[in-house]
Amino acid sequence: MIQIFGTAKCKATRAAQRFFADRGIKVQLVDLREKGLSKGELASVARAVGGVRALYDAEGARVKERGLQHLGPSEARIAELLAEDPLLLRTPIVRDGQRASVGAAEATWKSFADAAKGK
């Protein structure tokens, strides 16, 4: 099953939901305000998207709220920050098993949708 990690207020997350709904594909929405990714999920998604730095929303409002915009944290520190505060993640994270995308990535979503239809 395809999972979308994001928040209800996030336009890109709503776009991902709409993308799959328009194609008749059921998804599981995980609201990051309620539940984050486990360490294992975070590591798996990071591997799929090219590392934890790709998951870190360095330009996001949450980074500014926490005063992290000028830090330039290391990969290890980013992993710690994302594990403790899932609102620092770039959204949406769309995950299909071991494959994942971060941000608005319609081409990748299309490949997930095609695979889901083929199952």
PDB file of N, CA and C in Angstrom:
ATOM      1  N   MET A   1       0.842  -1.191   0.000  1.00  0.00           N
ATOM      2  CA  MET A   1       0.000   0.000   0.000  1.00  0.00           C
ATOM      3  C   MET A   1       0.880   1.245   0.000  1.00  0.00           C
ATOM      4  N   ILE A   2       0.440   2.228  -0.745  1.00  0.00           N
ATOM      5  CA  ILE A   2       1.157   3.496  -0.825  1.00  0.00           C
ATOM      6  C   ILE A   2       0.839   4.329   0.412  1.00  0.00           C
ATOM      7  N   GLN A   3       1.886   4.873   1.013  1.00  0.00           N
ATOM      8  CA  GLN A   3       1.722   5.732   2.180  1.00  0.00           C
ATOM      9  C   GLN A   3       2.132   7.141   1.811  1.00  0.00           C
ATOM     10  N   ILE A   4       1.373   8.117   2.320  1.00  0.00           N
ATOM     11  CA  ILE A   4       1.735   9.517   2.158  1.00  0.00           C
ATOM     12  C   ILE A   4       1.931  10.098   3.553  1.00  0.00           C
ATOM     13  N   PHE A   5       3.136  10.598   3.807  1.00  0.00           N
ATOM     14  CA  PHE A   5       3.451  11.242   5.077  1.00  0.00           C
ATOM     15  C   PHE A   5       3.420  12.743   4.836  1.00  0.00           C
ATOM     16  N   GLY A   6       2.619  13.459   5.614  1.00  0.00           N
ATOM     17  CA  GLY A   6       2.526  14.902   5.459  1.00  0.00           C
ATOM     18  C   GLY A   6       1.569  15.471   6.489  1.00  0.00           C
ATOM     19  N   THR A   7       1.102  16.688   6.239  1.00  0.00           N
ATOM     20  CA  THR A   7       0.133  17.323   7.133  1.00  0.00           C
ATOM     21  C   THR A   7      -1.052  17.815   6.319  1.00  0.00           C
ATOM     22  N   ALA A   8      -2.163  17.994   6.993  1.00  0.00           N
ATOM     23  CA  ALA A   8      -3.392  18.430   6.326  1.00  0.00           C
ATOM     24  C   ALA A   8      -3.254  19.825   5.717  1.00  0.00           C
ATOM     25  N   LYS A   9      -2.427  20.672   6.304  1.00  0.00           N
ATOM     26  CA  LYS A   9      -2.269  22.044   5.809  1.00  0.00           C
ATOM     27  C   LYS A   9      -1.312  22.149   4.622  1.00  0.00           C
ATOM     28  N   CYS A  10      -0.567  21.109   4.336  1.00  0.00           N
ATOM     29  CA  CYS A  10       0.452  21.131   3.289  1.00  0.00           C
ATOM     30  C   CYS A  10      -0.179  20.965   1.903  1.00  0.00           C
ATOM     31  N   LYS A  11       0.004  21.967   1.035  1.00  0.00           N
ATOM     32  CA  LYS A  11      -0.560  21.917  -0.323  1.00  0.00           C
ATOM     33  C   LYS A  11      -0.023  20.739  -1.117  1.00  0.00           C
ATOM     34  N   ALA A  12       1.266  20.479  -1.009  1.00  0.00           N
ATOM     35  CA  ALA A  12       1.882  19.384  -1.765  1.00  0.00           C
ATOM     36  C   ALA A  12       1.358  18.030  -1.290  1.00  0.00           C
ATOM     37  N   THR A  13       1.107  17.898   0.006  1.00  0.00           N
ATOM     38  CA  THR A  13       0.542  16.651   0.534  1.00  0.00           C
ATOM     39  C   THR A  13      -0.863  16.450  -0.018  1.00  0.00           C
ATOM     40  N   ARG A  14      -1.663  17.508  -0.016  1.00  0.00           N
ATOM     41  CA  ARG A  14      -3.025  17.404  -0.578  1.00  0.00           C
ATOM     42  C   ARG A  14      -2.969  17.078  -2.067  1.00  0.00           C
ATOM     43  N   ALA A  15      -1.982  17.629  -2.777  1.00  0.00           N
ATOM     44  CA  ALA A  15      -1.824  17.337  -4.207  1.00  0.00           C
ATOM     45  C   ALA A  15      -1.509  15.856  -4.420  1.00  0.00           C
ATOM     46  N   ALA A  16      -0.667  15.293  -3.566  1.00  0.00           N
ATOM     47  CA  ALA A  16      -0.333  13.865  -3.668  1.00  0.00           C
ATOM     48  C   ALA A  16      -1.577  13.010  -3.413  1.00  0.00           C
ATOM     49  N   GLN A  17      -2.342  13.367  -2.393  1.00  0.00           N
ATOM     50  CA  GLN A  17      -3.574  12.631  -2.106  1.00  0.00           C
ATOM     51  C   GLN A  17      -4.516  12.680  -3.311  1.00  0.00           C
ATOM     52  N   ARG A  18      -4.671  13.876  -3.869  1.00  0.00           N
ATOM     53  CA  ARG A  18      -5.551  14.062  -5.018  1.00  0.00           C
ATOM     54  C   ARG A  18      -5.039  13.268  -6.225  1.00  0.00           C
ATOM     55  N   PHE A  19      -3.729  13.259  -6.447  1.00  0.00           N
ATOM     56  CA  PHE A  19      -3.113  12.530  -7.558  1.00  0.00           C
ATOM     57  C   PHE A  19      -3.534  11.061  -7.529  1.00  0.00           C
ATOM     58  N   PHE A  20      -3.407  10.436  -6.368  1.00  0.00           N
ATOM     59  CA  PHE A  20      -3.737   9.013  -6.265  1.00  0.00           C
ATOM     60  C   PHE A  20      -5.253   8.786  -6.254  1.00  0.00           C
ATOM     61  N   ALA A  21      -5.999   9.668  -5.613  1.00  0.00           N
ATOM     62  CA  ALA A  21      -7.457   9.544  -5.591  1.00  0.00           C
ATOM     63  C   ALA A  21      -8.015   9.638  -7.011  1.00  0.00           C
ATOM     64  N   ASP A  22      -7.483  10.539  -7.825  1.00  0.00           N
ATOM     65  CA  ASP A  22      -7.942  10.693  -9.217  1.00  0.00           C
ATOM     66  C   ASP A  22      -7.702   9.439 -10.028  1.00  0.00           C
ATOM     67  N   ARG A  23      -6.767   8.614  -9.611  1.00  0.00           N
ATOM     68  CA  ARG A  23      -6.449   7.368 -10.308  1.00  0.00           C
ATOM     69  C   ARG A  23      -7.068   6.154  -9.636  1.00  0.00           C
ATOM     70  N   GLY A  24      -7.894   6.401  -8.622  1.00  0.00           N
ATOM     71  CA  GLY A  24      -8.602   5.319  -7.937  1.00  0.00           C
ATOM     72  C   GLY A  24      -7.696   4.426  -7.107  1.00  0.00           C
ATOM     73  N   ILE A  25      -6.606   4.987  -6.600  1.00  0.00           N
ATOM     74  CA  ILE A  25      -5.657   4.205  -5.808  1.00  0.00           C
ATOM     75  C   ILE A  25      -5.776   4.607  -4.350  1.00  0.00           C
ATOM     76  N   LYS A  26      -6.018   3.601  -3.510  1.00  0.00           N
ATOM     77  CA  LYS A  26      -6.122   3.860  -2.078  1.00  0.00           C
ATOM     78  C   LYS A  26      -4.736   4.102  -1.503  1.00  0.00           C
ATOM     79  N   VAL A  27      -4.665   5.077  -0.615  1.00  0.00           N
ATOM     80  CA  VAL A  27      -3.408   5.389   0.064  1.00  0.00           C
ATOM     81  C   VAL A  27      -3.666   5.467   1.565  1.00  0.00           C
ATOM     82  N   GLN A  28      -2.602   5.338   2.312  1.00  0.00           N
ATOM     83  CA  GLN A  28      -2.683   5.528   3.761  1.00  0.00           C
ATOM     84  C   GLN A  28      -2.017   6.859   4.060  1.00  0.00           C
ATOM     85  N   LEU A  29      -2.768   7.795   4.626  1.00  0.00           N
ATOM     86  CA  LEU A  29      -2.203   9.091   5.003  1.00  0.00           C
ATOM     87  C   LEU A  29      -1.719   9.022   6.439  1.00  0.00           C
ATOM     88  N   VAL A  30      -0.479   9.410   6.643  1.00  0.00           N
ATOM     89  CA  VAL A  30       0.090   9.483   7.985  1.00  0.00           C
ATOM     90  C   VAL A  30       0.335  10.962   8.266  1.00  0.00           C
ATOM     91  N   ASP A  31      -0.437  11.507   9.215  1.00  0.00           N
ATOM     92  CA  ASP A  31      -0.304  12.922   9.564  1.00  0.00           C
ATOM     93  C   ASP A  31       0.890  13.090  10.492  1.00  0.00           C
ATOM     94  N   LEU A  32       1.873  13.832  10.028  1.00  0.00           N
ATOM     95  CA  LEU A  32       3.103  14.007  10.811  1.00  0.00           C
ATOM     96  C   LEU A  32       2.888  14.809  12.080  1.00  0.00           C
ATOM     97  N   ARG A  33       1.760  15.472  12.205  1.00  0.00           N
ATOM     98  CA  ARG A  33       1.468  16.174  13.463  1.00  0.00           C
ATOM     99  C   ARG A  33       1.092  15.172  14.561  1.00  0.00           C
ATOM    100  N   GLU A  34       0.635  13.993  14.140  1.00  0.00           N
ATOM    101  CA  GLU A  34       0.215  12.967  15.101  1.00  0.00           C
ATOM    102  C   GLU A  34       1.258  11.867  15.288  1.00  0.00           C
ATOM    103  N   LYS A  35       1.930  11.513  14.190  1.00  0.00           N
ATOM    104  CA  LYS A  35       2.842  10.370  14.238  1.00  0.00           C
ATOM    105  C   LYS A  35       3.965  10.578  13.239  1.00  0.00           C
ATOM    106  N   GLY A  36       5.188  10.387  13.672  1.00  0.00           N
ATOM    107  CA  GLY A  36       6.333  10.507  12.784  1.00  0.00           C
ATOM    108  C   GLY A  36       6.727   9.158  12.210  1.00  0.00           C
ATOM    109  N   LEU A  37       7.836   9.136  11.534  1.00  0.00           N
ATOM    110  CA  LEU A  37       8.376   7.889  11.012  1.00  0.00           C
ATOM    111  C   LEU A  37       9.227   7.235  12.091  1.00  0.00           C
ATOM    112  N   SER A  38       9.168   5.915  12.164  1.00  0.00           N
ATOM    113  CA  SER A  38      10.044   5.208  13.096  1.00  0.00           C
ATOM    114  C   SER A  38      11.478   5.340  12.577  1.00  0.00           C
ATOM    115  N   LYS A  39      12.462   4.999  13.413  1.00  0.00           N
ATOM    116  CA  LYS A  39      13.861   5.087  12.975  1.00  0.00           C
ATOM    117  C   LYS A  39      14.099   4.209  11.751  1.00  0.00           C
ATOM    118  N   GLY A  40      13.482   3.029  11.745  1.00  0.00           N
ATOM    119  CA  GLY A  40      13.638   2.120  10.602  1.00  0.00           C
ATOM    120  C   GLY A  40      13.015   2.688   9.332  1.00  0.00           C
ATOM    121  N   GLU A  41      11.811   3.252   9.467  1.00  0.00           N
ATOM    122  CA  GLU A  41      11.152   3.873   8.311  1.00  0.00           C
ATOM    123  C   GLU A  41      11.976   5.055   7.801  1.00  0.00           C
ATOM    124  N   LEU A  42      12.457   5.860   8.720  1.00  0.00           N
ATOM    125  CA  LEU A  42      13.255   7.026   8.353  1.00  0.00           C
ATOM    126  C   LEU A  42      14.508   6.595   7.587  1.00  0.00           C
ATOM    127  N   ALA A  43      15.187   5.566   8.062  1.00  0.00           N
ATOM    128  CA  ALA A  43      16.395   5.065   7.401  1.00  0.00           C
ATOM    129  C   ALA A  43      16.055   4.507   6.014  1.00  0.00           C
ATOM    130  N   SER A  44      14.955   3.772   5.908  1.00  0.00           N
ATOM    131  CA  SER A  44      14.537   3.197   4.633  1.00  0.00           C
ATOM    132  C   SER A  44      14.207   4.277   3.612  1.00  0.00           C
ATOM    133  N   VAL A  45      13.447   5.284   4.038  1.00  0.00           N
ATOM    134  CA  VAL A  45      13.075   6.379   3.142  1.00  0.00           C
ATOM    135  C   VAL A  45      14.318   7.171   2.752  1.00  0.00           C
ATOM    136  N   ALA A  46      15.207   7.413   3.704  1.00  0.00           N
ATOM    137  CA  ALA A  46      16.441   8.157   3.415  1.00  0.00           C
ATOM    138  C   ALA A  46      17.275   7.437   2.358  1.00  0.00           C
ATOM    139  N   ARG A  47      17.379   6.106   2.471  1.00  0.00           N
ATOM    140  CA  ARG A  47      18.115   5.322   1.460  1.00  0.00           C
ATOM    141  C   ARG A  47      17.471   5.490   0.085  1.00  0.00           C
ATOM    142  N   ALA A  48      16.145   5.493   0.046  1.00  0.00           N
ATOM    143  CA  ALA A  48      15.417   5.566  -1.226  1.00  0.00           C
ATOM    144  C   ALA A  48      15.526   6.935  -1.904  1.00  0.00           C
ATOM    145  N   VAL A  49      15.717   7.992  -1.121  1.00  0.00           N
ATOM    146  CA  VAL A  49      15.729   9.346  -1.705  1.00  0.00           C
ATOM    147  C   VAL A  49      17.124   9.978  -1.740  1.00  0.00           C
ATOM    148  N   GLY A  50      18.138   9.228  -1.351  1.00  0.00           N
ATOM    149  CA  GLY A  50      19.498   9.751  -1.452  1.00  0.00           C
ATOM    150  C   GLY A  50      20.073  10.344  -0.178  1.00  0.00           C
ATOM    151  N   GLY A  51      19.535   9.980   0.968  1.00  0.00           N
ATOM    152  CA  GLY A  51      20.101  10.424   2.240  1.00  0.00           C
ATOM    153  C   GLY A  51      19.163  11.304   3.044  1.00  0.00           C
ATOM    154  N   VAL A  52      19.472  11.462   4.328  1.00  0.00           N
ATOM    155  CA  VAL A  52      18.594  12.223   5.223  1.00  0.00           C
ATOM    156  C   VAL A  52      18.544  13.694   4.887  1.00  0.00           C
ATOM    157  N   ARG A  53      19.601  14.211   4.278  1.00  0.00           N
ATOM    158  CA  ARG A  53      19.610  15.638   3.929  1.00  0.00           C
ATOM    159  C   ARG A  53      18.469  15.963   2.958  1.00  0.00           C
ATOM    160  N   ALA A  54      18.111  15.017   2.082  1.00  0.00           N
ATOM    161  CA  ALA A  54      17.014  15.221   1.129  1.00  0.00           C
ATOM    162  C   ALA A  54      15.666  15.299   1.840  1.00  0.00           C
ATOM    163  N   LEU A  55      15.580  14.742   3.037  1.00  0.00           N
ATOM    164  CA  LEU A  55      14.334  14.745   3.805  1.00  0.00           C
ATOM    165  C   LEU A  55      14.174  15.992   4.678  1.00  0.00           C
ATOM    166  N   TYR A  56      15.262  16.666   4.936  1.00  0.00           N
ATOM    167  CA  TYR A  56      15.276  17.816   5.855  1.00  0.00           C
ATOM    168  C   TYR A  56      14.797  19.070   5.133  1.00  0.00           C
ATOM    169  N   ASP A  57      13.752  19.686   5.654  1.00  0.00           N
ATOM    170  CA  ASP A  57      13.187  20.890   5.040  1.00  0.00           C
ATOM    171  C   ASP A  57      13.887  22.125   5.600  1.00  0.00           C
ATOM    172  N   ALA A  58      15.086  22.396   5.070  1.00  0.00           N
ATOM    173  CA  ALA A  58      15.915  23.485   5.584  1.00  0.00           C
ATOM    174  C   ALA A  58      15.271  24.856   5.407  1.00  0.00           C
ATOM    175  N   GLU A  59      14.319  24.978   4.490  1.00  0.00           N
ATOM    176  CA  GLU A  59      13.651  26.258   4.239  1.00  0.00           C
ATOM    177  C   GLU A  59      12.284  26.355   4.917  1.00  0.00           C
ATOM    178  N   GLY A  60      11.878  25.307   5.623  1.00  0.00           N
ATOM    179  CA  GLY A  60      10.540  25.245   6.201  1.00  0.00           C
ATOM    180  C   GLY A  60      10.328  26.134   7.418  1.00  0.00           C
ATOM    181  N   ALA A  61       9.061  26.384   7.693  1.00  0.00           N
ATOM    182  CA  ALA A  61       8.675  27.229   8.823  1.00  0.00           C
ATOM    183  C   ALA A  61       9.134  26.630  10.155  1.00  0.00           C
ATOM    184  N   ARG A  62       9.070  25.290  10.269  1.00  0.00           N
ATOM    185  CA  ARG A  62       9.443  24.649  11.525  1.00  0.00           C
ATOM    186  C   ARG A  62      10.931  24.863  11.840  1.00  0.00           C
ATOM    187  N   VAL A  63      11.765  24.830  10.809  1.00  0.00           N
ATOM    188  CA  VAL A  63      13.201  25.069  10.993  1.00  0.00           C
ATOM    189  C   VAL A  63      13.408  26.468  11.561  1.00  0.00           C
ATOM    190  N   LYS A  64      12.682  27.436  11.017  1.00  0.00           N
ATOM    191  CA  LYS A  64      12.803  28.819  11.489  1.00  0.00           C
ATOM    192  C   LYS A  64      12.257  28.971  12.906  1.00  0.00           C
ATOM    193  N   GLU A  65      11.122  28.297  13.186  1.00  0.00           N
ATOM    194  CA  GLU A  65      10.542  28.344  14.546  1.00  0.00           C
ATOM    195  C   GLU A  65      11.543  27.855  15.579  1.00  0.00           C
ATOM    196  N   ARG A  66      12.282  26.819  15.225  1.00  0.00           N
ATOM    197  CA  ARG A  66      13.236  26.228  16.166  1.00  0.00           C
ATOM    198  C   ARG A  66      14.606  26.888  16.112  1.00  0.00           C
ATOM    199  N   GLY A  67      14.775  27.872  15.228  1.00  0.00           N
ATOM    200  CA  GLY A  67      16.049  28.577  15.138  1.00  0.00           C
ATOM    201  C   GLY A  67      17.174  27.750  14.560  1.00  0.00           C
ATOM    202  N   LEU A  68      16.850  26.831  13.657  1.00  0.00           N
ATOM    203  CA  LEU A  68      17.850  25.922  13.100  1.00  0.00           C
ATOM    204  C   LEU A  68      18.368  26.355  11.726  1.00  0.00           C
ATOM    205  N   GLN A  69      17.843  27.452  11.189  1.00  0.00           N
ATOM    206  CA  GLN A  69      18.159  27.819   9.809  1.00  0.00           C
ATOM    207  C   GLN A  69      19.620  28.159   9.561  1.00  0.00           C
ATOM    208  N   HIS A  70      20.362  28.524  10.576  1.00  0.00           N
ATOM    209  CA  HIS A  70      21.757  28.911  10.386  1.00  0.00           C
ATOM    210  C   HIS A  70      22.748  27.854  10.858  1.00  0.00           C
ATOM    211  N   LEU A  71      22.263  26.702  11.279  1.00  0.00           N
ATOM    212  CA  LEU A  71      23.144  25.698  11.864  1.00  0.00           C
ATOM    213  C   LEU A  71      23.957  24.891  10.865  1.00  0.00           C
ATOM    214  N   GLY A  72      23.351  24.477   9.755  1.00  0.00           N
ATOM    215  CA  GLY A  72      24.045  23.580   8.833  1.00  0.00           C
ATOM    216  C   GLY A  72      24.412  22.272   9.502  1.00  0.00           C
ATOM    217  N   PRO A  73      23.406  21.545  10.038  1.00  0.00           N
ATOM    218  CA  PRO A  73      23.681  20.327  10.807  1.00  0.00           C
ATOM    219  C   PRO A  73      24.277  19.201   9.952  1.00  0.00           C
ATOM    220  N   SER A  74      25.015  18.327  10.619  1.00  0.00           N
ATOM    221  CA  SER A  74      25.600  17.156   9.963  1.00  0.00           C
ATOM    222  C   SER A  74      24.500  16.146   9.649  1.00  0.00           C
ATOM    223  N   GLU A  75      24.842  15.140   8.843  1.00  0.00           N
ATOM    224  CA  GLU A  75      23.876  14.077   8.495  1.00  0.00           C
ATOM    225  C   GLU A  75      23.357  13.399   9.769  1.00  0.00           C
ATOM    226  N   ALA A  76      24.250  13.101  10.694  1.00  0.00           N
ATOM    227  CA  ALA A  76      23.851  12.419  11.926  1.00  0.00           C
ATOM    228  C   ALA A  76      22.900  13.305  12.742  1.00  0.00           C
ATOM    229  N   ARG A  77      23.211  14.593  12.830  1.00  0.00           N
ATOM    230  CA  ARG A  77      22.352  15.520  13.582  1.00  0.00           C
ATOM    231  C   ARG A  77      21.002  15.673  12.894  1.00  0.00           C
ATOM    232  N   ILE A  78      20.987  15.709  11.559  1.00  0.00           N
ATOM    233  CA  ILE A  78      19.712  15.792  10.832  1.00  0.00           C
ATOM    234  C   ILE A  78      18.860  14.576  11.148  1.00  0.00           C
ATOM    235  N   ALA A  79      19.458  13.392  11.147  1.00  0.00           N
ATOM    236  CA  ALA A  79      18.718  12.166  11.459  1.00  0.00           C
ATOM    237  C   ALA A  79      18.101  12.255  12.854  1.00  0.00           C
ATOM    238  N   GLU A  80      18.865  12.771  13.828  1.00  0.00           N
ATOM    239  CA  GLU A  80      18.350  12.944  15.192  1.00  0.00           C
ATOM    240  C   GLU A  80      17.182  13.931  15.206  1.00  0.00           C
ATOM    241  N   LEU A  81      17.362  15.062  14.525  1.00  0.00           N
ATOM    242  CA  LEU A  81      16.317  16.092  14.494  1.00  0.00           C
ATOM    243  C   LEU A  81      15.028  15.560  13.869  1.00  0.00           C
ATOM    244  N   LEU A  82      15.163  14.823  12.766  1.00  0.00           N
ATOM    245  CA  LEU A  82      13.977  14.293  12.081  1.00  0.00           C
ATOM    246  C   LEU A  82      13.271  13.235  12.917  1.00  0.00           C
ATOM    247  N   ALA A  83      14.043  12.453  13.662  1.00  0.00           N
ATOM    248  CA  ALA A  83      13.441  11.431  14.521  1.00  0.00           C
ATOM    249  C   ALA A  83      12.672  12.076  15.676  1.00  0.00           C
ATOM    250  N   GLU A  84      13.195  13.176  16.218  1.00  0.00           N
ATOM    251  CA  GLU A  84      12.535  13.802  17.367  1.00  0.00           C
ATOM    252  C   GLU A  84      11.435  14.783  16.960  1.00  0.00           C
ATOM    253  N   ASP A  85      11.512  15.349  15.754  1.00  0.00           N
ATOM    254  CA  ASP A  85      10.526  16.339  15.308  1.00  0.00           C
ATOM    255  C   ASP A  85      10.167  16.099  13.845  1.00  0.00           C
ATOM    256  N   PRO A  86       9.133  15.288  13.582  1.00  0.00           N
ATOM    257  CA  PRO A  86       8.768  14.952  12.201  1.00  0.00           C
ATOM    258  C   PRO A  86       8.298  16.154  11.371  1.00  0.00           C
ATOM    259  N   LEU A  87       7.989  17.271  12.006  1.00  0.00           N
ATOM    260  CA  LEU A  87       7.570  18.450  11.253  1.00  0.00           C
ATOM    261  C   LEU A  87       8.743  19.141  10.558  1.00  0.00           C
ATOM    262  N   LEU A  88       9.956  18.633  10.761  1.00  0.00           N
ATOM    263  CA  LEU A  88      11.129  19.145  10.051  1.00  0.00           C
ATOM    264  C   LEU A  88      11.322  18.440   8.706  1.00  0.00           C
ATOM    265  N   LEU A  89      10.490  17.438   8.430  1.00  0.00           N
ATOM    266  CA  LEU A  89      10.582  16.697   7.172  1.00  0.00           C
ATOM    267  C   LEU A  89      10.007  17.496   6.011  1.00  0.00           C
ATOM    268  N   ARG A  90      10.629  17.368   4.833  1.00  0.00           N
ATOM    269  CA  ARG A  90      10.035  17.904   3.603  1.00  0.00           C
ATOM    270  C   ARG A  90       8.840  17.019   3.279  1.00  0.00           C
ATOM    271  N   THR A  91       7.759  17.617   2.863  1.00  0.00           N
ATOM    272  CA  THR A  91       6.567  16.841   2.571  1.00  0.00           C
ATOM    273  C   THR A  91       6.069  17.143   1.164  1.00  0.00           C
ATOM    274  N   PRO A  92       5.303  16.223   0.596  1.00  0.00           N
ATOM    275  CA  PRO A  92       4.967  14.921   1.154  1.00  0.00           C
ATOM    276  C   PRO A  92       6.078  13.903   0.918  1.00  0.00           C
ATOM    277  N   ILE A  93       6.093  12.916   1.781  1.00  0.00           N
ATOM    278  CA  ILE A  93       6.918  11.741   1.535  1.00  0.00           C
ATOM    279  C   ILE A  93       5.932  10.679   1.069  1.00  0.00           C
ATOM    280  N   VAL A  94       6.139  10.200  -0.137  1.00  0.00           N
ATOM    281  CA  VAL A  94       5.270   9.158  -0.685  1.00  0.00           C
ATOM    282  C   VAL A  94       6.103   7.894  -0.737  1.00  0.00           C
ATOM    283  N   ARG A  95       5.585   6.840  -0.117  1.00  0.00           N
ATOM    284  CA  ARG A  95       6.354   5.607   0.024  1.00  0.00           C
ATOM    285  C   ARG A  95       5.557   4.424  -0.511  1.00  0.00           C
ATOM    286  N   ASP A  96       6.226   3.616  -1.302  1.00  0.00           N
ATOM    287  CA  ASP A  96       5.644   2.382  -1.833  1.00  0.00           C
ATOM    288  C   ASP A  96       6.662   1.279  -1.588  1.00  0.00           C
ATOM    289  N   GLY A  97       6.529   0.625  -0.460  1.00  0.00           N
ATOM    290  CA  GLY A  97       7.491  -0.413  -0.086  1.00  0.00           C
ATOM    291  C   GLY A  97       8.867   0.182   0.151  1.00  0.00           C
ATOM    292  N   GLN A  98       9.863  -0.287  -0.601  1.00  0.00           N
ATOM    293  CA  GLN A  98      11.230   0.204  -0.454  1.00  0.00           C
ATOM    294  C   GLN A  98      11.486   1.472  -1.273  1.00  0.00           C
ATOM    295  N   ARG A  99      10.540   1.824  -2.148  1.00  0.00           N
ATOM    296  CA  ARG A  99      10.701   3.024  -2.981  1.00  0.00           C
ATOM    297  C   ARG A  99      10.025   4.207  -2.296  1.00  0.00           C
ATOM    298  N   ALA A 100      10.565   5.400  -2.513  1.00  0.00           N
ATOM    299  CA  ALA A 100       9.987   6.594  -1.888  1.00  0.00           C
ATOM    300  C   ALA A 100      10.354   7.825  -2.697  1.00  0.00           C
ATOM    301  N   SER A 101       9.573   8.877  -2.491  1.00  0.00           N
ATOM    302  CA  SER A 101       9.882  10.182  -3.072  1.00  0.00           C
ATOM    303  C   SER A 101       9.602  11.229  -2.004  1.00  0.00           C
ATOM    304  N   VAL A 102      10.197  12.388  -2.186  1.00  0.00           N
ATOM    305  CA  VAL A 102       9.986  13.477  -1.244  1.00  0.00           C
ATOM    306  C   VAL A 102       9.688  14.735  -2.043  1.00  0.00           C
ATOM    307  N   GLY A 103       8.722  15.510  -1.563  1.00  0.00           N
ATOM    308  CA  GLY A 103       8.307  16.710  -2.273  1.00  0.00           C
ATOM    309  C   GLY A 103       7.380  16.364  -3.430  1.00  0.00           C
ATOM    310  N   ALA A 104       7.033  17.370  -4.222  1.00  0.00           N
ATOM    311  CA  ALA A 104       6.160  17.168  -5.374  1.00  0.00           C
ATOM    312  C   ALA A 104       6.945  16.444  -6.458  1.00  0.00           C
ATOM    313  N   ALA A 105       6.627  15.176  -6.679  1.00  0.00           N
ATOM    314  CA  ALA A 105       7.368  14.338  -7.629  1.00  0.00           C
ATOM    315  C   ALA A 105       6.391  13.509  -8.449  1.00  0.00           C
ATOM    316  N   GLU A 106       5.617  14.176  -9.293  1.00  0.00           N
ATOM    317  CA  GLU A 106       4.557  13.489 -10.026  1.00  0.00           C
ATOM    318  C   GLU A 106       5.056  12.350 -10.909  1.00  0.00           C
ATOM    319  N   ALA A 107       6.229  12.484 -11.492  1.00  0.00           N
ATOM    320  CA  ALA A 107       6.754  11.405 -12.339  1.00  0.00           C
ATOM    321  C   ALA A 107       6.950  10.128 -11.516  1.00  0.00           C
ATOM    322  N   THR A 108       7.485  10.285 -10.312  1.00  0.00           N
ATOM    323  CA  THR A 108       7.685   9.133  -9.427  1.00  0.00           C
ATOM    324  C   THR A 108       6.338   8.600  -8.949  1.00  0.00           C
ATOM    325  N   TRP A 109       5.416   9.514  -8.600  1.00  0.00           N
ATOM    326  CA  TRP A 109       4.085   9.081  -8.169  1.00  0.00           C
ATOM    327  C   TRP A 109       3.420   8.262  -9.264  1.00  0.00           C
ATOM    328  N   LYS A 110       3.628   8.671 -10.516  1.00  0.00           N
ATOM    329  CA  LYS A 110       3.023   7.952 -11.636  1.00  0.00           C
ATOM    330  C   LYS A 110       3.551   6.530 -11.690  1.00  0.00           C
ATOM    331  N   SER A 111       4.860   6.359 -11.454  1.00  0.00           N
ATOM    332  CA  SER A 111       5.417   4.994 -11.463  1.00  0.00           C
ATOM    333  C   SER A 111       4.840   4.169 -10.315  1.00  0.00           C
ATOM    334  N   PHE A 112       4.606   4.802  -9.152  1.00  0.00           N
ATOM    335  CA  PHE A 112       3.978   4.104  -8.024  1.00  0.00           C
ATOM    336  C   PHE A 112       2.544   3.722  -8.388  1.00  0.00           C
ATOM    337  N   ALA A 113       1.823   4.648  -9.020  1.00  0.00           N
ATOM    338  CA  ALA A 113       0.429   4.406  -9.407  1.00  0.00           C
ATOM    339  C   ALA A 113       0.352   3.278 -10.424  1.00  0.00           C
ATOM    340  N   ASP A 114       1.248   3.301 -11.416  1.00  0.00           N
ATOM    341  CA  ASP A 114       1.261   2.237 -12.439  1.00  0.00           C
ATOM    342  C   ASP A 114       1.528   0.889 -11.804  1.00  0.00           C
ATOM    343  N   ALA A 115       2.463   0.838 -10.870  1.00  0.00           N
ATOM    344  CA  ALA A 115       2.788  -0.418 -10.175  1.00  0.00           C
ATOM    345  C   ALA A 115       1.596  -0.882  -9.343  1.00  0.00           C
ATOM    346  N   ALA A 116       0.892   0.044  -8.689  1.00  0.00           N
ATOM    347  CA  ALA A 116      -0.269  -0.323  -7.868  1.00  0.00           C
ATOM    348  C   ALA A 116      -1.406  -0.853  -8.729  1.00  0.00           C
ATOM    349  N   LYS A 117      -1.581  -0.289  -9.910  1.00  0.00           N
ATOM    350  CA  LYS A 117      -2.638  -0.754 -10.819  1.00  0.00           C
ATOM    351  C   LYS A 117      -2.306  -2.126 -11.382  1.00  0.00           C
ATOM    352  N   GLY A 118      -1.004  -2.385 -11.544  1.00  0.00           N
ATOM    353  CA  GLY A 118      -0.566  -3.661 -12.123  1.00  0.00           C
ATOM    354  C   GLY A 118      -0.628  -4.818 -11.163  1.00  0.00           C
ATOM    355  N   LYS A 119      -0.776  -4.511  -9.865  1.00  0.00           N
ATOM    356  CA  LYS A 119      -0.792  -5.579  -8.844  1.00  0.00           C
ATOM    357  C   LYS A 119      -2.082  -6.355  -8.881  1.00  0.00           C
TER     358      LYS A 119
END
